Amino acid sequence: YPHNLEEVRRIADRHGLWIIEDACHAPGAWWTDSEGKQ
């Protein structure tokens, strides 16, 4: 199940954090951004 990275990025940027995404379960997964793009 993929994270919405746009949402996580907004939170991270407010607090100056980097993001490591462990996608070991999720090659080929996708999510939809705020512009409706996969």
PDB file of all heavy atoms in Angstrom:
ATOM      1  N   TYR A   1       0.862  -1.186   0.000  1.00  0.00           N
ATOM      2  CA  TYR A   1       0.000   0.000   0.000  1.00  0.00           C
ATOM      3  C   TYR A   1       0.897   1.235   0.000  1.00  0.00           C
ATOM      4  O   TYR A   1       1.701   1.422   0.913  1.00  0.00           O
ATOM      5  CB  TYR A   1      -0.905   0.003   1.229  1.00  0.00           C
ATOM      6  CG  TYR A   1      -2.091   0.930   1.106  1.00  0.00           C
ATOM      7  CD1 TYR A   1      -3.371   0.439   0.925  1.00  0.00           C
ATOM      8  CD2 TYR A   1      -1.931   2.316   1.173  1.00  0.00           C
ATOM      9  CE1 TYR A   1      -4.466   1.283   0.811  1.00  0.00           C
ATOM     10  CE2 TYR A   1      -3.010   3.175   1.050  1.00  0.00           C
ATOM     11  CZ  TYR A   1      -4.281   2.652   0.878  1.00  0.00           C
ATOM     12  OH  TYR A   1      -5.356   3.498   0.752  1.00  0.00           O
ATOM     13  N   PRO A   2       0.789   2.112  -0.992  1.00  0.00           N
ATOM     14  CA  PRO A   2       1.731   3.226  -1.104  1.00  0.00           C
ATOM     15  C   PRO A   2       1.356   4.424  -0.253  1.00  0.00           C
ATOM     16  O   PRO A   2       0.192   4.782  -0.126  1.00  0.00           O
ATOM     17  CB  PRO A   2       1.648   3.589  -2.597  1.00  0.00           C
ATOM     18  CG  PRO A   2       0.226   3.265  -2.966  1.00  0.00           C
ATOM     19  CD  PRO A   2      -0.135   2.046  -2.151  1.00  0.00           C
ATOM     20  N   HIS A   3       2.365   5.053   0.321  1.00  0.00           N
ATOM     21  CA  HIS A   3       2.183   6.330   1.000  1.00  0.00           C
ATOM     22  C   HIS A   3       1.900   7.432  -0.028  1.00  0.00           C
ATOM     23  O   HIS A   3       2.394   7.389  -1.158  1.00  0.00           O
ATOM     24  CB  HIS A   3       3.458   6.724   1.756  1.00  0.00           C
ATOM     25  CG  HIS A   3       3.437   6.378   3.202  1.00  0.00           C
ATOM     26  ND1 HIS A   3       2.753   7.119   4.142  1.00  0.00           N
ATOM     27  CD2 HIS A   3       4.044   5.385   3.885  1.00  0.00           C
ATOM     28  CE1 HIS A   3       2.933   6.593   5.341  1.00  0.00           C
ATOM     29  NE2 HIS A   3       3.707   5.535   5.214  1.00  0.00           N
ATOM     30  N   ASN A   4       1.133   8.425   0.377  1.00  0.00           N
ATOM     31  CA  ASN A   4       1.006   9.661  -0.389  1.00  0.00           C
ATOM     32  C   ASN A   4       2.214  10.522  -0.033  1.00  0.00           C
ATOM     33  O   ASN A   4       2.238  11.173   1.013  1.00  0.00           O
ATOM     34  CB  ASN A   4      -0.300  10.370  -0.041  1.00  0.00           C
ATOM     35  CG  ASN A   4      -0.504  11.647  -0.843  1.00  0.00           C
ATOM     36  OD1 ASN A   4       0.429  12.418  -1.058  1.00  0.00           O
ATOM     37  ND2 ASN A   4      -1.735  11.891  -1.260  1.00  0.00           N
ATOM     38  N   LEU A   5       3.222  10.490  -0.868  1.00  0.00           N
ATOM     39  CA  LEU A   5       4.482  11.177  -0.557  1.00  0.00           C
ATOM     40  C   LEU A   5       4.347  12.690  -0.569  1.00  0.00           C
ATOM     41  O   LEU A   5       5.092  13.392   0.121  1.00  0.00           O
ATOM     42  CB  LEU A   5       5.568  10.742  -1.543  1.00  0.00           C
ATOM     43  CG  LEU A   5       6.508   9.620  -1.108  1.00  0.00           C
ATOM     44  CD1 LEU A   5       7.364  10.061   0.070  1.00  0.00           C
ATOM     45  CD2 LEU A   5       5.753   8.368  -0.755  1.00  0.00           C
ATOM     46  N   GLU A   6       3.400  13.208  -1.340  1.00  0.00           N
ATOM     47  CA  GLU A   6       3.183  14.652  -1.357  1.00  0.00           C
ATOM     48  C   GLU A   6       2.766  15.132   0.036  1.00  0.00           C
ATOM     49  O   GLU A   6       3.264  16.151   0.529  1.00  0.00           O
ATOM     50  CB  GLU A   6       2.114  14.994  -2.380  1.00  0.00           C
ATOM     51  CG  GLU A   6       1.922  16.481  -2.614  1.00  0.00           C
ATOM     52  CD  GLU A   6       0.886  16.759  -3.682  1.00  0.00           C
ATOM     53  OE1 GLU A   6      -0.015  15.898  -3.893  1.00  0.00           O
ATOM     54  OE2 GLU A   6       0.955  17.832  -4.309  1.00  0.00           O
ATOM     55  N   GLU A   7       1.893  14.377   0.673  1.00  0.00           N
ATOM     56  CA  GLU A   7       1.445  14.710   2.023  1.00  0.00           C
ATOM     57  C   GLU A   7       2.594  14.596   3.021  1.00  0.00           C
ATOM     58  O   GLU A   7       2.797  15.475   3.865  1.00  0.00           O
ATOM     59  CB  GLU A   7       0.296  13.789   2.432  1.00  0.00           C
ATOM     60  CG  GLU A   7      -0.208  14.005   3.838  1.00  0.00           C
ATOM     61  CD  GLU A   7      -1.242  12.974   4.257  1.00  0.00           C
ATOM     62  OE1 GLU A   7      -1.386  11.936   3.569  1.00  0.00           O
ATOM     63  OE2 GLU A   7      -1.895  13.214   5.289  1.00  0.00           O
ATOM     64  N   VAL A   8       3.363  13.516   2.936  1.00  0.00           N
ATOM     65  CA  VAL A   8       4.491  13.339   3.852  1.00  0.00           C
ATOM     66  C   VAL A   8       5.523  14.442   3.651  1.00  0.00           C
ATOM     67  O   VAL A   8       6.094  14.968   4.613  1.00  0.00           O
ATOM     68  CB  VAL A   8       5.131  11.947   3.655  1.00  0.00           C
ATOM     69  CG1 VAL A   8       6.307  11.766   4.606  1.00  0.00           C
ATOM     70  CG2 VAL A   8       4.113  10.838   3.873  1.00  0.00           C
ATOM     71  N   ARG A   9       5.749  14.827   2.388  1.00  0.00           N
ATOM     72  CA  ARG A   9       6.721  15.876   2.090  1.00  0.00           C
ATOM     73  C   ARG A   9       6.315  17.207   2.694  1.00  0.00           C
ATOM     74  O   ARG A   9       7.161  17.965   3.219  1.00  0.00           O
ATOM     75  CB  ARG A   9       6.878  16.013   0.578  1.00  0.00           C
ATOM     76  CG  ARG A   9       7.939  17.012   0.106  1.00  0.00           C
ATOM     77  CD  ARG A   9       9.327  16.425   0.197  1.00  0.00           C
ATOM     78  NE  ARG A   9      10.019  16.733   1.423  1.00  0.00           N
ATOM     79  CZ  ARG A   9      11.188  16.199   1.775  1.00  0.00           C
ATOM     80  NH1 ARG A   9      11.767  15.295   1.005  1.00  0.00           N
ATOM     81  NH2 ARG A   9      11.770  16.530   2.901  1.00  0.00           N
ATOM     82  N   ARG A  10       5.024  17.524   2.638  1.00  0.00           N
ATOM     83  CA  ARG A  10       4.551  18.790   3.231  1.00  0.00           C
ATOM     84  C   ARG A  10       4.862  18.820   4.725  1.00  0.00           C
ATOM     85  O   ARG A  10       5.323  19.841   5.257  1.00  0.00           O
ATOM     86  CB  ARG A  10       3.044  18.951   3.001  1.00  0.00           C
ATOM     87  CG  ARG A  10       2.660  19.469   1.626  1.00  0.00           C
ATOM     88  CD  ARG A  10       1.227  19.989   1.619  1.00  0.00           C
ATOM     89  NE  ARG A  10       0.270  18.951   1.972  1.00  0.00           N
ATOM     90  CZ  ARG A  10      -0.367  18.177   1.099  1.00  0.00           C
ATOM     91  NH1 ARG A  10      -0.132  18.337  -0.203  1.00  0.00           N
ATOM     92  NH2 ARG A  10      -1.229  17.259   1.493  1.00  0.00           N
ATOM     93  N   ILE A  11       4.585  17.702   5.384  1.00  0.00           N
ATOM     94  CA  ILE A  11       4.860  17.625   6.828  1.00  0.00           C
ATOM     95  C   ILE A  11       6.357  17.734   7.086  1.00  0.00           C
ATOM     96  O   ILE A  11       6.809  18.470   7.971  1.00  0.00           O
ATOM     97  CB  ILE A  11       4.300  16.311   7.401  1.00  0.00           C
ATOM     98  CG1 ILE A  11       2.778  16.268   7.276  1.00  0.00           C
ATOM     99  CG2 ILE A  11       4.719  16.135   8.861  1.00  0.00           C
ATOM    100  CD1 ILE A  11       2.173  14.915   7.595  1.00  0.00           C
ATOM    101  N   ALA A  12       7.142  16.987   6.304  1.00  0.00           N
ATOM    102  CA  ALA A  12       8.596  16.985   6.496  1.00  0.00           C
ATOM    103  C   ALA A  12       9.192  18.364   6.261  1.00  0.00           C
ATOM    104  O   ALA A  12      10.067  18.812   7.024  1.00  0.00           O
ATOM    105  CB  ALA A  12       9.231  15.962   5.557  1.00  0.00           C
ATOM    106  N   ASP A  13       8.724  19.060   5.242  1.00  0.00           N
ATOM    107  CA  ASP A  13       9.284  20.368   4.926  1.00  0.00           C
ATOM    108  C   ASP A  13       8.999  21.391   6.020  1.00  0.00           C
ATOM    109  O   ASP A  13       9.813  22.295   6.270  1.00  0.00           O
ATOM    110  CB  ASP A  13       8.734  20.871   3.589  1.00  0.00           C
ATOM    111  CG  ASP A  13       9.377  20.182   2.390  1.00  0.00           C
ATOM    112  OD1 ASP A  13      10.389  19.489   2.592  1.00  0.00           O
ATOM    113  OD2 ASP A  13       8.857  20.339   1.269  1.00  0.00           O
ATOM    114  N   ARG A  14       7.828  21.264   6.674  1.00  0.00           N
ATOM    115  CA  ARG A  14       7.508  22.200   7.753  1.00  0.00           C
ATOM    116  C   ARG A  14       8.494  22.076   8.917  1.00  0.00           C
ATOM    117  O   ARG A  14       8.671  23.014   9.695  1.00  0.00           O
ATOM    118  CB  ARG A  14       6.084  21.962   8.262  1.00  0.00           C
ATOM    119  CG  ARG A  14       5.001  22.487   7.356  1.00  0.00           C
ATOM    120  CD  ARG A  14       3.686  22.690   8.106  1.00  0.00           C
ATOM    121  NE  ARG A  14       3.156  21.463   8.663  1.00  0.00           N
ATOM    122  CZ  ARG A  14       2.311  20.652   8.029  1.00  0.00           C
ATOM    123  NH1 ARG A  14       1.922  20.944   6.787  1.00  0.00           N
ATOM    124  NH2 ARG A  14       1.850  19.564   8.612  1.00  0.00           N
ATOM    125  N   HIS A  15       9.126  20.909   9.029  1.00  0.00           N
ATOM    126  CA  HIS A  15       9.999  20.652  10.173  1.00  0.00           C
ATOM    127  C   HIS A  15      11.446  20.358   9.755  1.00  0.00           C
ATOM    128  O   HIS A  15      12.256  19.931  10.593  1.00  0.00           O
ATOM    129  CB  HIS A  15       9.441  19.493  10.988  1.00  0.00           C
ATOM    130  CG  HIS A  15       8.072  19.766  11.531  1.00  0.00           C
ATOM    131  ND1 HIS A  15       7.864  20.424  12.725  1.00  0.00           N
ATOM    132  CD2 HIS A  15       6.835  19.498  11.026  1.00  0.00           C
ATOM    133  CE1 HIS A  15       6.554  20.537  12.943  1.00  0.00           C
ATOM    134  NE2 HIS A  15       5.915  19.983  11.932  1.00  0.00           N
ATOM    135  N   GLY A  16      11.762  20.567   8.476  1.00  0.00           N
ATOM    136  CA  GLY A  16      13.135  20.407   8.008  1.00  0.00           C
ATOM    137  C   GLY A  16      13.652  18.986   8.031  1.00  0.00           C
ATOM    138  O   GLY A  16      14.834  18.750   8.346  1.00  0.00           O
ATOM    139  N   LEU A  17      12.800  18.020   7.695  1.00  0.00           N
ATOM    140  CA  LEU A  17      13.181  16.607   7.735  1.00  0.00           C
ATOM    141  C   LEU A  17      13.487  16.063   6.347  1.00  0.00           C
ATOM    142  O   LEU A  17      12.883  16.458   5.358  1.00  0.00           O
ATOM    143  CB  LEU A  17      12.049  15.758   8.336  1.00  0.00           C
ATOM    144  CG  LEU A  17      11.444  16.169   9.668  1.00  0.00           C
ATOM    145  CD1 LEU A  17      10.410  15.143  10.091  1.00  0.00           C
ATOM    146  CD2 LEU A  17      12.525  16.312  10.728  1.00  0.00           C
ATOM    147  N   TRP A  18      14.405  15.117   6.294  1.00  0.00           N
ATOM    148  CA  TRP A  18      14.562  14.315   5.082  1.00  0.00           C
ATOM    149  C   TRP A  18      13.612  13.120   5.164  1.00  0.00           C
ATOM    150  O   TRP A  18      13.098  12.792   6.241  1.00  0.00           O
ATOM    151  CB  TRP A  18      16.004  13.844   4.880  1.00  0.00           C
ATOM    152  CG  TRP A  18      16.670  13.254   6.093  1.00  0.00           C
ATOM    153  CD1 TRP A  18      17.596  13.835   6.904  1.00  0.00           C
ATOM    154  CD2 TRP A  18      16.422  11.954   6.670  1.00  0.00           C
ATOM    155  NE1 TRP A  18      17.954  12.997   7.931  1.00  0.00           N
ATOM    156  CE2 TRP A  18      17.245  11.827   7.805  1.00  0.00           C
ATOM    157  CE3 TRP A  18      15.603  10.890   6.324  1.00  0.00           C
ATOM    158  CZ2 TRP A  18      17.267  10.682   8.601  1.00  0.00           C
ATOM    159  CZ3 TRP A  18      15.606   9.745   7.114  1.00  0.00           C
ATOM    160  CH2 TRP A  18      16.430   9.648   8.236  1.00  0.00           C
ATOM    161  N   ILE A  19      13.388  12.455   4.003  1.00  0.00           N
ATOM    162  CA  ILE A  19      12.496  11.291   3.943  1.00  0.00           C
ATOM    163  C   ILE A  19      13.225  10.131   3.281  1.00  0.00           C
ATOM    164  O   ILE A  19      13.744  10.267   2.170  1.00  0.00           O
ATOM    165  CB  ILE A  19      11.222  11.575   3.126  1.00  0.00           C
ATOM    166  CG1 ILE A  19      10.417  12.722   3.744  1.00  0.00           C
ATOM    167  CG2 ILE A  19      10.352  10.322   3.009  1.00  0.00           C
ATOM    168  CD1 ILE A  19       9.278  13.195   2.845  1.00  0.00           C
ATOM    169  N   ILE A  20      13.273   8.997   3.971  1.00  0.00           N
ATOM    170  CA  ILE A  20      13.653   7.733   3.344  1.00  0.00           C
ATOM    171  C   ILE A  20      12.388   6.893   3.238  1.00  0.00           C
ATOM    172  O   ILE A  20      11.692   6.688   4.234  1.00  0.00           O
ATOM    173  CB  ILE A  20      14.724   6.981   4.161  1.00  0.00           C
ATOM    174  CG1 ILE A  20      16.050   7.743   4.153  1.00  0.00           C
ATOM    175  CG2 ILE A  20      14.934   5.564   3.593  1.00  0.00           C
ATOM    176  CD1 ILE A  20      17.122   7.121   5.027  1.00  0.00           C
ATOM    177  N   GLU A  21      12.102   6.433   2.035  1.00  0.00           N
ATOM    178  CA  GLU A  21      10.928   5.602   1.795  1.00  0.00           C
ATOM    179  C   GLU A  21      11.365   4.153   1.613  1.00  0.00           C
ATOM    180  O   GLU A  21      12.151   3.848   0.717  1.00  0.00           O
ATOM    181  CB  GLU A  21      10.185   6.080   0.545  1.00  0.00           C
ATOM    182  CG  GLU A  21       8.960   5.247   0.199  1.00  0.00           C
ATOM    183  CD  GLU A  21       8.297   5.686  -1.092  1.00  0.00           C
ATOM    184  OE1 GLU A  21       8.960   6.373  -1.902  1.00  0.00           O
ATOM    185  OE2 GLU A  21       7.114   5.341  -1.296  1.00  0.00           O
ATOM    186  N   ASP A  22      10.878   3.287   2.478  1.00  0.00           N
ATOM    187  CA  ASP A  22      11.102   1.853   2.341  1.00  0.00           C
ATOM    188  C   ASP A  22       9.949   1.306   1.502  1.00  0.00           C
ATOM    189  O   ASP A  22       8.837   1.122   1.989  1.00  0.00           O
ATOM    190  CB  ASP A  22      11.139   1.206   3.718  1.00  0.00           C
ATOM    191  CG  ASP A  22      11.371  -0.299   3.685  1.00  0.00           C
ATOM    192  OD1 ASP A  22      11.090  -0.923   2.642  1.00  0.00           O
ATOM    193  OD2 ASP A  22      11.800  -0.856   4.716  1.00  0.00           O
ATOM    194  N   ALA A  23      10.226   1.066   0.227  1.00  0.00           N
ATOM    195  CA  ALA A  23       9.205   0.579  -0.709  1.00  0.00           C
ATOM    196  C   ALA A  23       9.471  -0.872  -1.098  1.00  0.00           C
ATOM    197  O   ALA A  23       9.120  -1.302  -2.197  1.00  0.00           O
ATOM    198  CB  ALA A  23       9.170   1.457  -1.948  1.00  0.00           C
ATOM    199  N   CYS A  24      10.073  -1.626  -0.184  1.00  0.00           N
ATOM    200  CA  CYS A  24      10.426  -3.014  -0.480  1.00  0.00           C
ATOM    201  C   CYS A  24       9.210  -3.862  -0.838  1.00  0.00           C
ATOM    202  O   CYS A  24       9.329  -4.861  -1.550  1.00  0.00           O
ATOM    203  CB  CYS A  24      11.159  -3.630   0.707  1.00  0.00           C
ATOM    204  SG  CYS A  24      12.794  -2.912   0.989  1.00  0.00           S
ATOM    205  N   HIS A  25       8.021  -3.467  -0.352  1.00  0.00           N
ATOM    206  CA  HIS A  25       6.793  -4.198  -0.659  1.00  0.00           C
ATOM    207  C   HIS A  25       6.059  -3.636  -1.872  1.00  0.00           C
ATOM    208  O   HIS A  25       5.026  -4.181  -2.246  1.00  0.00           O
ATOM    209  CB  HIS A  25       5.832  -4.124   0.533  1.00  0.00           C
ATOM    210  CG  HIS A  25       6.274  -4.874   1.738  1.00  0.00           C
ATOM    211  ND1 HIS A  25       5.503  -4.980   2.880  1.00  0.00           N
ATOM    212  CD2 HIS A  25       7.411  -5.569   2.005  1.00  0.00           C
ATOM    213  CE1 HIS A  25       6.141  -5.696   3.792  1.00  0.00           C
ATOM    214  NE2 HIS A  25       7.309  -6.045   3.285  1.00  0.00           N
ATOM    215  N   ALA A  26       6.574  -2.550  -2.471  1.00  0.00           N
ATOM    216  CA  ALA A  26       5.687  -1.777  -3.345  1.00  0.00           C
ATOM    217  C   ALA A  26       6.205  -1.375  -4.722  1.00  0.00           C
ATOM    218  O   ALA A  26       5.754  -0.363  -5.262  1.00  0.00           O
ATOM    219  CB  ALA A  26       5.230  -0.532  -2.594  1.00  0.00           C
ATOM    220  N   PRO A  27       7.107  -2.108  -5.364  1.00  0.00           N
ATOM    221  CA  PRO A  27       7.434  -1.726  -6.745  1.00  0.00           C
ATOM    222  C   PRO A  27       6.204  -1.904  -7.631  1.00  0.00           C
ATOM    223  O   PRO A  27       5.520  -2.918  -7.568  1.00  0.00           O
ATOM    224  CB  PRO A  27       8.555  -2.705  -7.129  1.00  0.00           C
ATOM    225  CG  PRO A  27       8.335  -3.885  -6.252  1.00  0.00           C
ATOM    226  CD  PRO A  27       7.814  -3.333  -4.949  1.00  0.00           C
ATOM    227  N   GLY A  28       5.906  -0.890  -8.432  1.00  0.00           N
ATOM    228  CA  GLY A  28       4.726  -0.953  -9.287  1.00  0.00           C
ATOM    229  C   GLY A  28       3.489  -0.330  -8.673  1.00  0.00           C
ATOM    230  O   GLY A  28       2.467  -0.170  -9.349  1.00  0.00           O
ATOM    231  N   ALA A  29       3.552   0.039  -7.391  1.00  0.00           N
ATOM    232  CA  ALA A  29       2.425   0.713  -6.747  1.00  0.00           C
ATOM    233  C   ALA A  29       2.382   2.173  -7.205  1.00  0.00           C
ATOM    234  O   ALA A  29       3.367   2.725  -7.696  1.00  0.00           O
ATOM    235  CB  ALA A  29       2.541   0.634  -5.234  1.00  0.00           C
ATOM    236  N   TRP A  30       1.238   2.814  -7.031  1.00  0.00           N
ATOM    237  CA  TRP A  30       1.100   4.232  -7.359  1.00  0.00           C
ATOM    238  C   TRP A  30       0.057   4.885  -6.470  1.00  0.00           C
ATOM    239  O   TRP A  30      -0.763   4.213  -5.853  1.00  0.00           O
ATOM    240  CB  TRP A  30       0.731   4.432  -8.837  1.00  0.00           C
ATOM    241  CG  TRP A  30      -0.512   3.708  -9.283  1.00  0.00           C
ATOM    242  CD1 TRP A  30      -0.571   2.471  -9.870  1.00  0.00           C
ATOM    243  CD2 TRP A  30      -1.877   4.157  -9.170  1.00  0.00           C
ATOM    244  NE1 TRP A  30      -1.871   2.118 -10.125  1.00  0.00           N
ATOM    245  CE2 TRP A  30      -2.701   3.142  -9.713  1.00  0.00           C
ATOM    246  CE3 TRP A  30      -2.484   5.309  -8.663  1.00  0.00           C
ATOM    247  CZ2 TRP A  30      -4.088   3.245  -9.749  1.00  0.00           C
ATOM    248  CZ3 TRP A  30      -3.874   5.425  -8.711  1.00  0.00           C
ATOM    249  CH2 TRP A  30      -4.647   4.400  -9.259  1.00  0.00           C
ATOM    250  N   TRP A  31       0.127   6.196  -6.389  1.00  0.00           N
ATOM    251  CA  TRP A  31      -0.839   6.988  -5.641  1.00  0.00           C
ATOM    252  C   TRP A  31      -1.164   8.231  -6.462  1.00  0.00           C
ATOM    253  O   TRP A  31      -0.511   8.525  -7.462  1.00  0.00           O
ATOM    254  CB  TRP A  31      -0.278   7.353  -4.265  1.00  0.00           C
ATOM    255  CG  TRP A  31       1.063   8.011  -4.298  1.00  0.00           C
ATOM    256  CD1 TRP A  31       2.280   7.400  -4.384  1.00  0.00           C
ATOM    257  CD2 TRP A  31       1.323   9.419  -4.296  1.00  0.00           C
ATOM    258  NE1 TRP A  31       3.289   8.328  -4.428  1.00  0.00           N
ATOM    259  CE2 TRP A  31       2.729   9.578  -4.362  1.00  0.00           C
ATOM    260  CE3 TRP A  31       0.522  10.560  -4.218  1.00  0.00           C
ATOM    261  CZ2 TRP A  31       3.340  10.829  -4.377  1.00  0.00           C
ATOM    262  CZ3 TRP A  31       1.129  11.805  -4.218  1.00  0.00           C
ATOM    263  CH2 TRP A  31       2.522  11.928  -4.300  1.00  0.00           C
ATOM    264  N   THR A  32      -2.184   8.978  -6.058  1.00  0.00           N
ATOM    265  CA  THR A  32      -2.660  10.124  -6.827  1.00  0.00           C
ATOM    266  C   THR A  32      -2.337  11.419  -6.109  1.00  0.00           C
ATOM    267  O   THR A  32      -2.666  11.580  -4.923  1.00  0.00           O
ATOM    268  CB  THR A  32      -4.177  10.026  -7.053  1.00  0.00           C
ATOM    269  OG1 THR A  32      -4.475   8.761  -7.662  1.00  0.00           O
ATOM    270  CG2 THR A  32      -4.663  11.145  -7.955  1.00  0.00           C
ATOM    271  N   ASP A  33      -1.690  12.366  -6.807  1.00  0.00           N
ATOM    272  CA  ASP A  33      -1.295  13.623  -6.177  1.00  0.00           C
ATOM    273  C   ASP A  33      -2.440  14.639  -6.184  1.00  0.00           C
ATOM    274  O   ASP A  33      -3.558  14.351  -6.637  1.00  0.00           O
ATOM    275  CB  ASP A  33      -0.026  14.179  -6.826  1.00  0.00           C
ATOM    276  CG  ASP A  33      -0.235  14.643  -8.269  1.00  0.00           C
ATOM    277  OD1 ASP A  33      -1.397  14.828  -8.696  1.00  0.00           O
ATOM    278  OD2 ASP A  33       0.778  14.840  -8.973  1.00  0.00           O
ATOM    279  N   SER A  34      -2.156  15.841  -5.693  1.00  0.00           N
ATOM    280  CA  SER A  34      -3.186  16.865  -5.547  1.00  0.00           C
ATOM    281  C   SER A  34      -3.710  17.389  -6.876  1.00  0.00           C
ATOM    282  O   SER A  34      -4.773  18.025  -6.927  1.00  0.00           O
ATOM    283  CB  SER A  34      -2.643  18.039  -4.717  1.00  0.00           C
ATOM    284  OG  SER A  34      -1.498  18.599  -5.335  1.00  0.00           O
ATOM    285  N   GLU A  35      -2.984  17.109  -7.956  1.00  0.00           N
ATOM    286  CA  GLU A  35      -3.435  17.511  -9.287  1.00  0.00           C
ATOM    287  C   GLU A  35      -4.139  16.385 -10.021  1.00  0.00           C
ATOM    288  O   GLU A  35      -4.482  16.520 -11.197  1.00  0.00           O
ATOM    289  CB  GLU A  35      -2.236  18.004 -10.114  1.00  0.00           C
ATOM    290  CG  GLU A  35      -1.559  19.242  -9.525  1.00  0.00           C
ATOM    291  CD  GLU A  35      -0.378  19.693 -10.347  1.00  0.00           C
ATOM    292  OE1 GLU A  35      -0.007  18.975 -11.307  1.00  0.00           O
ATOM    293  OE2 GLU A  35       0.188  20.756 -10.034  1.00  0.00           O
ATOM    294  N   GLY A  36      -4.357  15.262  -9.315  1.00  0.00           N
ATOM    295  CA  GLY A  36      -5.044  14.134  -9.926  1.00  0.00           C
ATOM    296  C   GLY A  36      -4.158  13.261 -10.790  1.00  0.00           C
ATOM    297  O   GLY A  36      -4.664  12.403 -11.522  1.00  0.00           O
ATOM    298  N   LYS A  37      -2.839  13.425 -10.677  1.00  0.00           N
ATOM    299  CA  LYS A  37      -1.909  12.646 -11.485  1.00  0.00           C
ATOM    300  C   LYS A  37      -1.408  11.439 -10.695  1.00  0.00           C
ATOM    301  O   LYS A  37      -1.136  11.538  -9.501  1.00  0.00           O
ATOM    302  CB  LYS A  37      -0.712  13.502 -11.909  1.00  0.00           C
ATOM    303  CG  LYS A  37      -1.090  14.678 -12.793  1.00  0.00           C
ATOM    304  CD  LYS A  37       0.142  15.513 -13.138  1.00  0.00           C
ATOM    305  CE  LYS A  37      -0.227  16.703 -14.006  1.00  0.00           C
ATOM    306  NZ  LYS A  37       0.972  17.560 -14.292  1.00  0.00           N
ATOM    307  N   GLN A  38      -1.269  10.311 -11.379  1.00  0.00           N
ATOM    308  CA  GLN A  38      -0.734   9.115 -10.737  1.00  0.00           C
ATOM    309  C   GLN A  38       0.781   9.227 -10.593  1.00  0.00           C
ATOM    310  O   GLN A  38       1.470   9.581 -11.548  1.00  0.00           O
ATOM    311  CB  GLN A  38      -1.092   7.868 -11.542  1.00  0.00           C
ATOM    312  CG  GLN A  38      -2.561   7.515 -11.512  1.00  0.00           C
ATOM    313  CD  GLN A  38      -2.868   6.213 -12.239  1.00  0.00           C
ATOM    314  OE1 GLN A  38      -1.968   5.538 -12.739  1.00  0.00           O
ATOM    315  NE2 GLN A  38      -4.151   5.854 -12.295  1.00  0.00           N
TER     316      GLN A  38
END
